[in-house]
Amino acid sequence: MLDPLAVGGSGQWLPTLWDPDADRATRAGYETAPARAVLLVDGPLLLGRGLPFDLAVHLHLSAAARRRRTSDDERWTLPAYDDYDRTVRPTDSADVVVRTDDPRHPAVIIHP
């Protein structure tokens, strides 16, 4: 999915894959990315999967802050995040880490 937008790729991409309202594929046509396009990939638990990112930014919450800020109906996700922190160590592998325990005072760490 990322290869078409990599250097030397075709530049062809699908603007949508899934329509959640219709609960089916969108059947969208391919589009061509402009020259020097930048692809931003957003999602949890993405580091450590071998994806060829040029720059990785990790928004980090400590386990304690994650427990405080996670709603009761989402608490089932907490063990996966704890395991991700322990096994992938995203704060060590990301190029930029933003510590967000207090969203009013984020702390940015840039790894050389």
Protein backbone atom coordinates (compact mmCIF):
# COMPACT_ATOMS: atom_id res chain seq x y z
CA MET A 1 0.00 0.00 0.00
CA LEU A 2 2.90 2.40 0.67
CA ASP A 3 5.07 1.31 -2.28
CA PRO A 4 3.23 3.33 -4.98
CA LEU A 5 4.08 6.56 -3.15
CA ALA A 6 7.70 5.62 -2.43
CA VAL A 7 10.54 7.05 -4.50
CA GLY A 8 10.34 5.37 -7.89
CA GLY A 9 6.78 4.17 -7.29
CA SER A 10 3.90 4.66 -9.71
CA GLY A 11 2.34 7.47 -7.68
CA GLN A 12 -1.04 5.78 -8.02
CA TRP A 13 -3.14 5.55 -4.87
CA LEU A 14 -6.69 4.90 -3.72
CA PRO A 15 -8.22 7.88 -1.92
CA THR A 16 -10.60 5.65 0.06
CA LEU A 17 -10.84 1.94 0.75
CA TRP A 18 -13.89 1.48 2.94
CA ASP A 19 -17.23 3.23 3.40
CA PRO A 20 -18.20 2.69 7.06
CA ASP A 21 -21.78 3.91 6.47
CA ALA A 22 -22.41 1.39 3.68
CA ASP A 23 -20.12 -1.20 5.35
CA ARG A 24 -18.44 -2.08 2.07
CA ALA A 25 -15.52 -1.16 -0.16
CA THR A 26 -15.83 2.28 -1.76
CA ARG A 27 -14.77 1.15 -5.24
CA ALA A 28 -12.94 4.45 -5.65
CA GLY A 29 -10.76 4.93 -8.69
CA TYR A 30 -7.00 5.39 -8.54
CA GLU A 31 -5.59 8.89 -8.38
CA THR A 32 -2.08 10.14 -9.09
CA ALA A 33 -0.18 11.84 -6.29
CA PRO A 34 1.45 15.17 -7.15
CA ALA A 35 5.22 15.34 -7.38
CA ARG A 36 6.90 15.55 -3.96
CA ALA A 37 3.71 14.49 -2.18
CA VAL A 38 3.94 13.67 1.52
CA LEU A 39 2.01 10.72 2.92
CA LEU A 40 0.97 10.95 6.57
CA VAL A 41 0.01 7.67 8.19
CA ASP A 42 -1.97 7.95 11.41
CA GLY A 43 -2.80 5.09 13.70
CA PRO A 44 -1.97 3.33 16.93
CA LEU A 45 0.60 0.56 17.28
CA LEU A 46 2.24 1.15 13.86
CA LEU A 47 5.91 1.16 14.80
CA GLY A 48 7.86 -2.08 14.89
CA ARG A 49 6.01 -3.60 11.93
CA GLY A 50 8.70 -2.93 9.33
CA LEU A 51 6.80 -0.17 7.56
CA PRO A 52 9.21 1.97 5.50
CA PHE A 53 8.62 5.34 7.15
CA ASP A 54 11.09 8.16 6.43
CA LEU A 55 10.17 9.84 9.72
CA ALA A 56 8.24 8.40 12.66
CA VAL A 57 6.58 10.58 15.31
CA HIS A 58 5.23 8.80 18.38
CA LEU A 59 2.72 10.49 20.69
CA HIS A 60 3.48 8.89 24.02
CA LEU A 61 1.30 8.49 27.11
CA SER A 62 2.69 6.83 30.20
CA ALA A 63 0.79 3.76 31.38
CA ALA A 64 -0.59 5.72 34.36
CA ALA A 65 -1.83 8.61 32.20
CA ARG A 66 -3.30 6.15 29.69
CA ARG A 67 -5.30 4.50 32.48
CA ARG A 68 -6.54 7.85 33.77
CA ARG A 69 -7.60 9.10 30.34
CA THR A 70 -9.13 5.92 28.90
CA SER A 71 -12.90 5.65 29.16
CA ASP A 72 -14.43 2.57 30.77
CA ASP A 73 -15.71 1.21 27.46
CA GLU A 74 -12.18 1.37 25.95
CA ARG A 75 -10.24 -0.08 28.91
CA TRP A 76 -10.06 -3.45 27.18
CA THR A 77 -7.41 -1.91 24.87
CA LEU A 78 -4.97 -1.10 27.68
CA PRO A 79 -3.12 -4.45 27.76
CA ALA A 80 -2.30 -4.11 24.04
CA TYR A 81 -0.78 -0.66 24.59
CA ASP A 82 1.19 -1.90 27.61
CA ASP A 83 2.52 -4.82 25.54
CA TYR A 84 3.37 -2.45 22.65
CA ASP A 85 5.37 -0.20 24.99
CA ARG A 86 7.21 -3.20 26.44
CA THR A 87 7.97 -5.14 23.24
CA VAL A 88 8.22 -2.50 20.48
CA ARG A 89 9.60 0.30 22.68
CA PRO A 90 8.25 3.07 20.42
CA THR A 91 9.96 5.80 22.43
CA ASP A 92 13.29 4.25 21.42
CA SER A 93 12.46 3.59 17.77
CA ALA A 94 10.61 6.79 16.79
CA ASP A 95 12.55 9.71 15.33
CA VAL A 96 10.48 12.18 17.35
CA VAL A 97 8.64 11.44 20.59
CA VAL A 98 6.02 13.80 21.98
CA ARG A 99 5.22 13.06 25.60
CA THR A 100 1.56 13.95 26.12
CA ASP A 101 0.81 12.98 29.73
CA ASP A 102 -0.27 16.60 30.21
CA PRO A 103 -1.65 17.77 26.83
CA ARG A 104 -1.24 21.40 27.95
CA HIS A 105 2.52 20.87 28.20
CA PRO A 106 3.76 18.41 25.58
CA ALA A 107 7.44 17.57 25.68
CA VAL A 108 9.24 16.92 22.38
CA ILE A 109 12.24 14.60 22.20
CA ILE A 110 14.13 14.33 18.92
CA HIS A 111 16.35 11.28 18.46
CA PRO A 112 19.45 11.84 16.35
